[in-house]
PDB file of all heavy atoms in Angstrom:
ATOM      1  N   GLY A   1       0.775  -1.230  -0.006  1.00  0.00           N
ATOM      2  CA  GLY A   1      -0.003   0.002   0.000  1.00  0.00           C
ATOM      3  C   GLY A   1       0.807   1.281   0.001  1.00  0.00           C
ATOM      4  O   GLY A   1       0.252   2.366   0.179  1.00  0.00           O
ATOM      5  N   ALA A   2       2.121   1.185  -0.227  1.00  0.00           N
ATOM      6  CA  ALA A   2       2.933   2.401  -0.292  1.00  0.00           C
ATOM      7  C   ALA A   2       2.573   3.194  -1.540  1.00  0.00           C
ATOM      8  O   ALA A   2       2.138   2.643  -2.556  1.00  0.00           O
ATOM      9  CB  ALA A   2       4.418   2.037  -0.306  1.00  0.00           C
ATOM     10  N   ARG A   3       2.746   4.507  -1.465  1.00  0.00           N
ATOM     11  CA  ARG A   3       2.384   5.389  -2.572  1.00  0.00           C
ATOM     12  C   ARG A   3       3.034   4.957  -3.883  1.00  0.00           C
ATOM     13  O   ARG A   3       2.384   4.947  -4.935  1.00  0.00           O
ATOM     14  CB  ARG A   3       2.797   6.830  -2.242  1.00  0.00           C
ATOM     15  CG  ARG A   3       2.388   7.830  -3.309  1.00  0.00           C
ATOM     16  CD  ARG A   3       2.769   9.250  -2.921  1.00  0.00           C
ATOM     17  NE  ARG A   3       4.150   9.427  -2.550  1.00  0.00           N
ATOM     18  CZ  ARG A   3       5.152   9.639  -3.420  1.00  0.00           C
ATOM     19  NH1 ARG A   3       4.907   9.673  -4.706  1.00  0.00           N
ATOM     20  NH2 ARG A   3       6.382   9.787  -2.988  1.00  0.00           N
ATOM     21  N   GLU A   4       4.311   4.572  -3.834  1.00  0.00           N
ATOM     22  CA  GLU A   4       5.015   4.157  -5.052  1.00  0.00           C
ATOM     23  C   GLU A   4       4.382   2.902  -5.664  1.00  0.00           C
ATOM     24  O   GLU A   4       4.295   2.776  -6.883  1.00  0.00           O
ATOM     25  CB  GLU A   4       6.500   3.871  -4.756  1.00  0.00           C
ATOM     26  CG  GLU A   4       7.257   5.061  -4.213  1.00  0.00           C
ATOM     27  CD  GLU A   4       7.081   5.235  -2.703  1.00  0.00           C
ATOM     28  OE1 GLU A   4       6.794   4.255  -1.992  1.00  0.00           O
ATOM     29  OE2 GLU A   4       7.215   6.384  -2.253  1.00  0.00           O
ATOM     30  N   GLU A   5       3.963   1.988  -4.812  1.00  0.00           N
ATOM     31  CA  GLU A   5       3.349   0.748  -5.303  1.00  0.00           C
ATOM     32  C   GLU A   5       1.984   1.030  -5.916  1.00  0.00           C
ATOM     33  O   GLU A   5       1.621   0.444  -6.943  1.00  0.00           O
ATOM     34  CB  GLU A   5       3.238  -0.265  -4.167  1.00  0.00           C
ATOM     35  CG  GLU A   5       4.603  -0.735  -3.713  1.00  0.00           C
ATOM     36  CD  GLU A   5       4.618  -1.340  -2.328  1.00  0.00           C
ATOM     37  OE1 GLU A   5       3.759  -1.025  -1.504  1.00  0.00           O
ATOM     38  OE2 GLU A   5       5.535  -2.138  -2.085  1.00  0.00           O
ATOM     39  N   ILE A   6       1.237   1.942  -5.307  1.00  0.00           N
ATOM     40  CA  ILE A   6      -0.066   2.318  -5.867  1.00  0.00           C
ATOM     41  C   ILE A   6       0.124   2.983  -7.217  1.00  0.00           C
ATOM     42  O   ILE A   6      -0.561   2.653  -8.200  1.00  0.00           O
ATOM     43  CB  ILE A   6      -0.833   3.229  -4.886  1.00  0.00           C
ATOM     44  CG1 ILE A   6      -1.202   2.439  -3.629  1.00  0.00           C
ATOM     45  CG2 ILE A   6      -2.075   3.825  -5.557  1.00  0.00           C
ATOM     46  CD1 ILE A   6      -1.753   3.279  -2.497  1.00  0.00           C
ATOM     47  N   GLU A   7       1.087   3.899  -7.312  1.00  0.00           N
ATOM     48  CA  GLU A   7       1.372   4.568  -8.587  1.00  0.00           C
ATOM     49  C   GLU A   7       1.796   3.563  -9.658  1.00  0.00           C
ATOM     50  O   GLU A   7       1.387   3.669 -10.810  1.00  0.00           O
ATOM     51  CB  GLU A   7       2.446   5.635  -8.398  1.00  0.00           C
ATOM     52  CG  GLU A   7       1.959   6.831  -7.615  1.00  0.00           C
ATOM     53  CD  GLU A   7       3.075   7.814  -7.264  1.00  0.00           C
ATOM     54  OE1 GLU A   7       4.262   7.556  -7.582  1.00  0.00           O
ATOM     55  OE2 GLU A   7       2.750   8.850  -6.654  1.00  0.00           O
ATOM     56  N   GLU A   8       2.615   2.588  -9.261  1.00  0.00           N
ATOM     57  CA  GLU A   8       3.054   1.566 -10.223  1.00  0.00           C
ATOM     58  C   GLU A   8       1.870   0.749 -10.717  1.00  0.00           C
ATOM     59  O   GLU A   8       1.735   0.487 -11.910  1.00  0.00           O
ATOM     60  CB  GLU A   8       4.097   0.630  -9.596  1.00  0.00           C
ATOM     61  CG  GLU A   8       4.589  -0.428 -10.569  1.00  0.00           C
ATOM     62  CD  GLU A   8       5.612  -1.367  -9.969  1.00  0.00           C
ATOM     63  OE1 GLU A   8       5.937  -1.251  -8.778  1.00  0.00           O
ATOM     64  OE2 GLU A   8       6.062  -2.255 -10.719  1.00  0.00           O
ATOM     65  N   GLY A   9       0.981   0.351  -9.804  1.00  0.00           N
ATOM     66  CA  GLY A   9      -0.202  -0.427 -10.203  1.00  0.00           C
ATOM     67  C   GLY A   9      -1.092   0.352 -11.159  1.00  0.00           C
ATOM     68  O   GLY A   9      -1.562  -0.189 -12.162  1.00  0.00           O
ATOM     69  N   LEU A  10      -1.287   1.608 -10.889  1.00  0.00           N
ATOM     70  CA  LEU A  10      -2.125   2.420 -11.774  1.00  0.00           C
ATOM     71  C   LEU A  10      -1.436   2.655 -13.118  1.00  0.00           C
ATOM     72  O   LEU A  10      -2.090   2.661 -14.158  1.00  0.00           O
ATOM     73  CB  LEU A  10      -2.470   3.756 -11.100  1.00  0.00           C
ATOM     74  CG  LEU A  10      -3.345   3.614  -9.854  1.00  0.00           C
ATOM     75  CD1 LEU A  10      -3.487   4.961  -9.155  1.00  0.00           C
ATOM     76  CD2 LEU A  10      -4.719   3.040 -10.183  1.00  0.00           C
ATOM     77  N   SER A  11      -0.102   2.797 -13.104  1.00  0.00           N
ATOM     78  CA  SER A  11       0.617   2.984 -14.365  1.00  0.00           C
ATOM     79  C   SER A  11       0.625   1.719 -15.214  1.00  0.00           C
ATOM     80  O   SER A  11       0.807   1.794 -16.429  1.00  0.00           O
ATOM     81  CB  SER A  11       2.043   3.457 -14.109  1.00  0.00           C
ATOM     82  OG  SER A  11       2.836   2.412 -13.586  1.00  0.00           O
ATOM     83  N   MET A  12       0.408   0.568 -14.589  1.00  0.00           N
ATOM     84  CA  MET A  12       0.329  -0.696 -15.337  1.00  0.00           C
ATOM     85  C   MET A  12      -1.030  -0.875 -15.995  1.00  0.00           C
ATOM     86  O   MET A  12      -1.251  -1.831 -16.720  1.00  0.00           O
ATOM     87  CB  MET A  12       0.592  -1.897 -14.419  1.00  0.00           C
ATOM     88  CG  MET A  12       2.020  -2.015 -13.983  1.00  0.00           C
ATOM     89  SD  MET A  12       2.354  -3.551 -13.056  1.00  0.00           S
ATOM     90  CE  MET A  12       1.197  -3.447 -11.719  1.00  0.00           C
ATOM     91  N   GLY A  13      -1.969   0.032 -15.716  1.00  0.00           N
ATOM     92  CA  GLY A  13      -3.262  -0.040 -16.371  1.00  0.00           C
ATOM     93  C   GLY A  13      -4.435  -0.338 -15.466  1.00  0.00           C
ATOM     94  O   GLY A  13      -5.569  -0.388 -15.942  1.00  0.00           O
ATOM     95  N   ALA A  14      -4.200  -0.533 -14.175  1.00  0.00           N
ATOM     96  CA  ALA A  14      -5.325  -0.771 -13.264  1.00  0.00           C
ATOM     97  C   ALA A  14      -6.198   0.485 -13.208  1.00  0.00           C
ATOM     98  O   ALA A  14      -5.699   1.612 -13.246  1.00  0.00           O
ATOM     99  CB  ALA A  14      -4.825  -1.123 -11.876  1.00  0.00           C
ATOM    100  N   LYS A  15      -7.495   0.294 -13.098  1.00  0.00           N
ATOM    101  CA  LYS A  15      -8.430   1.414 -13.002  1.00  0.00           C
ATOM    102  C   LYS A  15      -8.539   1.943 -11.573  1.00  0.00           C
ATOM    103  O   LYS A  15      -8.961   3.078 -11.371  1.00  0.00           O
ATOM    104  CB  LYS A  15      -9.820   0.986 -13.496  1.00  0.00           C
ATOM    105  CG  LYS A  15      -9.839   0.557 -14.944  1.00  0.00           C
ATOM    106  CD  LYS A  15      -9.406   1.675 -15.855  1.00  0.00           C
ATOM    107  CE  LYS A  15      -9.466   1.240 -17.299  1.00  0.00           C
ATOM    108  NZ  LYS A  15      -8.827   2.185 -18.195  1.00  0.00           N
ATOM    109  N   ALA A  16      -8.180   1.108 -10.596  1.00  0.00           N
ATOM    110  CA  ALA A  16      -8.191   1.509  -9.194  1.00  0.00           C
ATOM    111  C   ALA A  16      -7.235   0.611  -8.436  1.00  0.00           C
ATOM    112  O   ALA A  16      -6.891  -0.486  -8.889  1.00  0.00           O
ATOM    113  CB  ALA A  16      -9.608   1.402  -8.617  1.00  0.00           C
ATOM    114  N   TYR A  17      -6.809   1.085  -7.260  1.00  0.00           N
ATOM    115  CA  TYR A  17      -5.889   0.344  -6.402  1.00  0.00           C
ATOM    116  C   TYR A  17      -6.382   0.494  -4.975  1.00  0.00           C
ATOM    117  O   TYR A  17      -6.462   1.610  -4.458  1.00  0.00           O
ATOM    118  CB  TYR A  17      -4.476   0.926  -6.554  1.00  0.00           C
ATOM    119  CG  TYR A  17      -3.380   0.082  -5.961  1.00  0.00           C
ATOM    120  CD1 TYR A  17      -2.414  -0.492  -6.773  1.00  0.00           C
ATOM    121  CD2 TYR A  17      -3.267  -0.119  -4.578  1.00  0.00           C
ATOM    122  CE1 TYR A  17      -1.368  -1.245  -6.239  1.00  0.00           C
ATOM    123  CE2 TYR A  17      -2.235  -0.873  -4.047  1.00  0.00           C
ATOM    124  CZ  TYR A  17      -1.287  -1.423  -4.881  1.00  0.00           C
ATOM    125  OH  TYR A  17      -0.260  -2.182  -4.364  1.00  0.00           O
ATOM    126  N   LEU A  18      -6.732  -0.621  -4.362  1.00  0.00           N
ATOM    127  CA  LEU A  18      -7.231  -0.623  -2.987  1.00  0.00           C
ATOM    128  C   LEU A  18      -6.248  -1.384  -2.098  1.00  0.00           C
ATOM    129  O   LEU A  18      -6.051  -2.582  -2.278  1.00  0.00           O
ATOM    130  CB  LEU A  18      -8.599  -1.293  -2.916  1.00  0.00           C
ATOM    131  CG  LEU A  18      -9.713  -0.643  -3.738  1.00  0.00           C
ATOM    132  CD1 LEU A  18     -10.960  -1.512  -3.699  1.00  0.00           C
ATOM    133  CD2 LEU A  18      -9.999   0.755  -3.232  1.00  0.00           C
ATOM    134  N   PRO A  19      -5.603  -0.694  -1.145  1.00  0.00           N
ATOM    135  CA  PRO A  19      -4.718  -1.390  -0.225  1.00  0.00           C
ATOM    136  C   PRO A  19      -5.522  -2.274   0.752  1.00  0.00           C
ATOM    137  O   PRO A  19      -6.591  -1.879   1.202  1.00  0.00           O
ATOM    138  CB  PRO A  19      -4.016  -0.262   0.542  1.00  0.00           C
ATOM    139  CG  PRO A  19      -4.252   0.978  -0.263  1.00  0.00           C
ATOM    140  CD  PRO A  19      -5.532   0.756  -0.991  1.00  0.00           C
ATOM    141  N   LYS A  20      -4.971  -3.465   1.047  1.00  0.00           N
ATOM    142  CA  LYS A  20      -5.570  -4.353   2.056  1.00  0.00           C
ATOM    143  C   LYS A  20      -5.124  -3.899   3.423  1.00  0.00           C
ATOM    144  O   LYS A  20      -3.984  -3.429   3.558  1.00  0.00           O
ATOM    145  CB  LYS A  20      -5.117  -5.800   1.828  1.00  0.00           C
ATOM    146  CG  LYS A  20      -5.701  -6.460   0.611  1.00  0.00           C
ATOM    147  CD  LYS A  20      -5.140  -7.878   0.504  1.00  0.00           C
ATOM    148  CE  LYS A  20      -5.624  -8.584  -0.740  1.00  0.00           C
ATOM    149  NZ  LYS A  20      -4.976  -9.890  -0.904  1.00  0.00           N
ATOM    150  N   PRO A  21      -5.930  -4.025   4.422  1.00  0.00           N
ATOM    151  CA  PRO A  21      -7.303  -4.530   4.344  1.00  0.00           C
ATOM    152  C   PRO A  21      -8.219  -3.446   3.782  1.00  0.00           C
ATOM    153  O   PRO A  21      -8.044  -2.265   4.071  1.00  0.00           O
ATOM    154  CB  PRO A  21      -7.662  -4.842   5.802  1.00  0.00           C
ATOM    155  CG  PRO A  21      -6.788  -3.919   6.597  1.00  0.00           C
ATOM    156  CD  PRO A  21      -5.528  -3.732   5.801  1.00  0.00           C
ATOM    157  N   VAL A  22      -9.154  -3.859   2.969  1.00  0.00           N
ATOM    158  CA  VAL A  22     -10.102  -2.931   2.363  1.00  0.00           C
ATOM    159  C   VAL A  22     -11.479  -3.184   2.969  1.00  0.00           C
ATOM    160  O   VAL A  22     -11.862  -4.331   3.185  1.00  0.00           O
ATOM    161  CB  VAL A  22     -10.126  -3.075   0.827  1.00  0.00           C
ATOM    162  CG1 VAL A  22     -10.527  -4.473   0.400  1.00  0.00           C
ATOM    163  CG2 VAL A  22     -11.024  -2.042   0.179  1.00  0.00           C
ATOM    164  N   SER A  23     -12.191  -2.123   3.244  1.00  0.00           N
ATOM    165  CA  SER A  23     -13.543  -2.304   3.767  1.00  0.00           C
ATOM    166  C   SER A  23     -14.434  -2.792   2.636  1.00  0.00           C
ATOM    167  O   SER A  23     -14.229  -2.455   1.464  1.00  0.00           O
ATOM    168  CB  SER A  23     -14.088  -0.995   4.346  1.00  0.00           C
ATOM    169  OG  SER A  23     -14.443  -0.097   3.318  1.00  0.00           O
ATOM    170  N   LEU A  24     -15.417  -3.579   2.989  1.00  0.00           N
ATOM    171  CA  LEU A  24     -16.336  -4.093   1.974  1.00  0.00           C
ATOM    172  C   LEU A  24     -17.123  -2.957   1.328  1.00  0.00           C
ATOM    173  O   LEU A  24     -17.403  -2.995   0.123  1.00  0.00           O
ATOM    174  CB  LEU A  24     -17.264  -5.146   2.576  1.00  0.00           C
ATOM    175  CG  LEU A  24     -16.539  -6.403   3.026  1.00  0.00           C
ATOM    176  CD1 LEU A  24     -17.481  -7.326   3.783  1.00  0.00           C
ATOM    177  CD2 LEU A  24     -15.901  -7.126   1.852  1.00  0.00           C
ATOM    178  N   GLU A  25     -17.426  -1.933   2.105  1.00  0.00           N
ATOM    179  CA  GLU A  25     -18.133  -0.774   1.544  1.00  0.00           C
ATOM    180  C   GLU A  25     -17.280  -0.094   0.469  1.00  0.00           C
ATOM    181  O   GLU A  25     -17.761   0.222  -0.616  1.00  0.00           O
ATOM    182  CB  GLU A  25     -18.472   0.215   2.658  1.00  0.00           C
ATOM    183  CG  GLU A  25     -19.210   1.439   2.164  1.00  0.00           C
ATOM    184  CD  GLU A  25     -19.543   2.405   3.291  1.00  0.00           C
ATOM    185  OE1 GLU A  25     -19.215   2.147   4.458  1.00  0.00           O
ATOM    186  OE2 GLU A  25     -20.117   3.447   2.965  1.00  0.00           O
ATOM    187  N   LYS A  26     -15.994   0.111   0.765  1.00  0.00           N
ATOM    188  CA  LYS A  26     -15.085   0.735  -0.203  1.00  0.00           C
ATOM    189  C   LYS A  26     -14.932  -0.138  -1.438  1.00  0.00           C
ATOM    190  O   LYS A  26     -14.911   0.357  -2.567  1.00  0.00           O
ATOM    191  CB  LYS A  26     -13.726   0.989   0.457  1.00  0.00           C
ATOM    192  CG  LYS A  26     -12.681   1.571  -0.459  1.00  0.00           C
ATOM    193  CD  LYS A  26     -12.995   2.984  -0.846  1.00  0.00           C
ATOM    194  CE  LYS A  26     -11.843   3.583  -1.642  1.00  0.00           C
ATOM    195  NZ  LYS A  26     -12.184   4.871  -2.223  1.00  0.00           N
ATOM    196  N   LEU A  27     -14.849  -1.439  -1.242  1.00  0.00           N
ATOM    197  CA  LEU A  27     -14.764  -2.368  -2.368  1.00  0.00           C
ATOM    198  C   LEU A  27     -15.987  -2.247  -3.267  1.00  0.00           C
ATOM    199  O   LEU A  27     -15.859  -2.094  -4.485  1.00  0.00           O
ATOM    200  CB  LEU A  27     -14.624  -3.810  -1.867  1.00  0.00           C
ATOM    201  CG  LEU A  27     -14.690  -4.889  -2.941  1.00  0.00           C
ATOM    202  CD1 LEU A  27     -13.504  -4.798  -3.888  1.00  0.00           C
ATOM    203  CD2 LEU A  27     -14.782  -6.263  -2.319  1.00  0.00           C
ATOM    204  N   LEU A  28     -17.168  -2.298  -2.691  1.00  0.00           N
ATOM    205  CA  LEU A  28     -18.396  -2.240  -3.485  1.00  0.00           C
ATOM    206  C   LEU A  28     -18.534  -0.901  -4.206  1.00  0.00           C
ATOM    207  O   LEU A  28     -18.957  -0.862  -5.383  1.00  0.00           O
ATOM    208  CB  LEU A  28     -19.609  -2.518  -2.613  1.00  0.00           C
ATOM    209  CG  LEU A  28     -19.689  -3.937  -2.046  1.00  0.00           C
ATOM    210  CD1 LEU A  28     -20.833  -4.044  -1.041  1.00  0.00           C
ATOM    211  CD2 LEU A  28     -19.837  -4.967  -3.152  1.00  0.00           C
ATOM    212  N   ILE A  29     -18.177   0.187  -3.552  1.00  0.00           N
ATOM    213  CA  ILE A  29     -18.243   1.508  -4.189  1.00  0.00           C
ATOM    214  C   ILE A  29     -17.273   1.580  -5.371  1.00  0.00           C
ATOM    215  O   ILE A  29     -17.630   2.048  -6.456  1.00  0.00           O
ATOM    216  CB  ILE A  29     -17.945   2.624  -3.154  1.00  0.00           C
ATOM    217  CG1 ILE A  29     -19.106   2.754  -2.178  1.00  0.00           C
ATOM    218  CG2 ILE A  29     -17.657   3.951  -3.856  1.00  0.00           C
ATOM    219  CD1 ILE A  29     -18.799   3.629  -0.973  1.00  0.00           C
ATOM    220  N   THR A  30     -16.067   1.099  -5.172  1.00  0.00           N
ATOM    221  CA  THR A  30     -15.048   1.143  -6.238  1.00  0.00           C
ATOM    222  C   THR A  30     -15.445   0.259  -7.406  1.00  0.00           C
ATOM    223  O   THR A  30     -15.290   0.650  -8.568  1.00  0.00           O
ATOM    224  CB  THR A  30     -13.672   0.750  -5.682  1.00  0.00           C
ATOM    225  OG1 THR A  30     -13.356   1.610  -4.577  1.00  0.00           O
ATOM    226  CG2 THR A  30     -12.594   0.875  -6.739  1.00  0.00           C
ATOM    227  N   VAL A  31     -15.957  -0.919  -7.120  1.00  0.00           N
ATOM    228  CA  VAL A  31     -16.435  -1.817  -8.181  1.00  0.00           C
ATOM    229  C   VAL A  31     -17.497  -1.110  -9.019  1.00  0.00           C
ATOM    230  O   VAL A  31     -17.432  -1.093 -10.251  1.00  0.00           O
ATOM    231  CB  VAL A  31     -16.973  -3.147  -7.600  1.00  0.00           C
ATOM    232  CG1 VAL A  31     -17.807  -3.910  -8.617  1.00  0.00           C
ATOM    233  CG2 VAL A  31     -15.817  -4.004  -7.097  1.00  0.00           C
TER     234      VAL A  31
END
C-alpha cells in the first residue's frame, strides 16, 4: 500500500488500487 506501489499499479493499467485490508463498503463503491 505504499504510494510508489499504488502509482506503479495504476501505471500498469489498473483502473483503481485498494490497499488491504479494504472495507467491503469501499470495495463495493469502487467496483
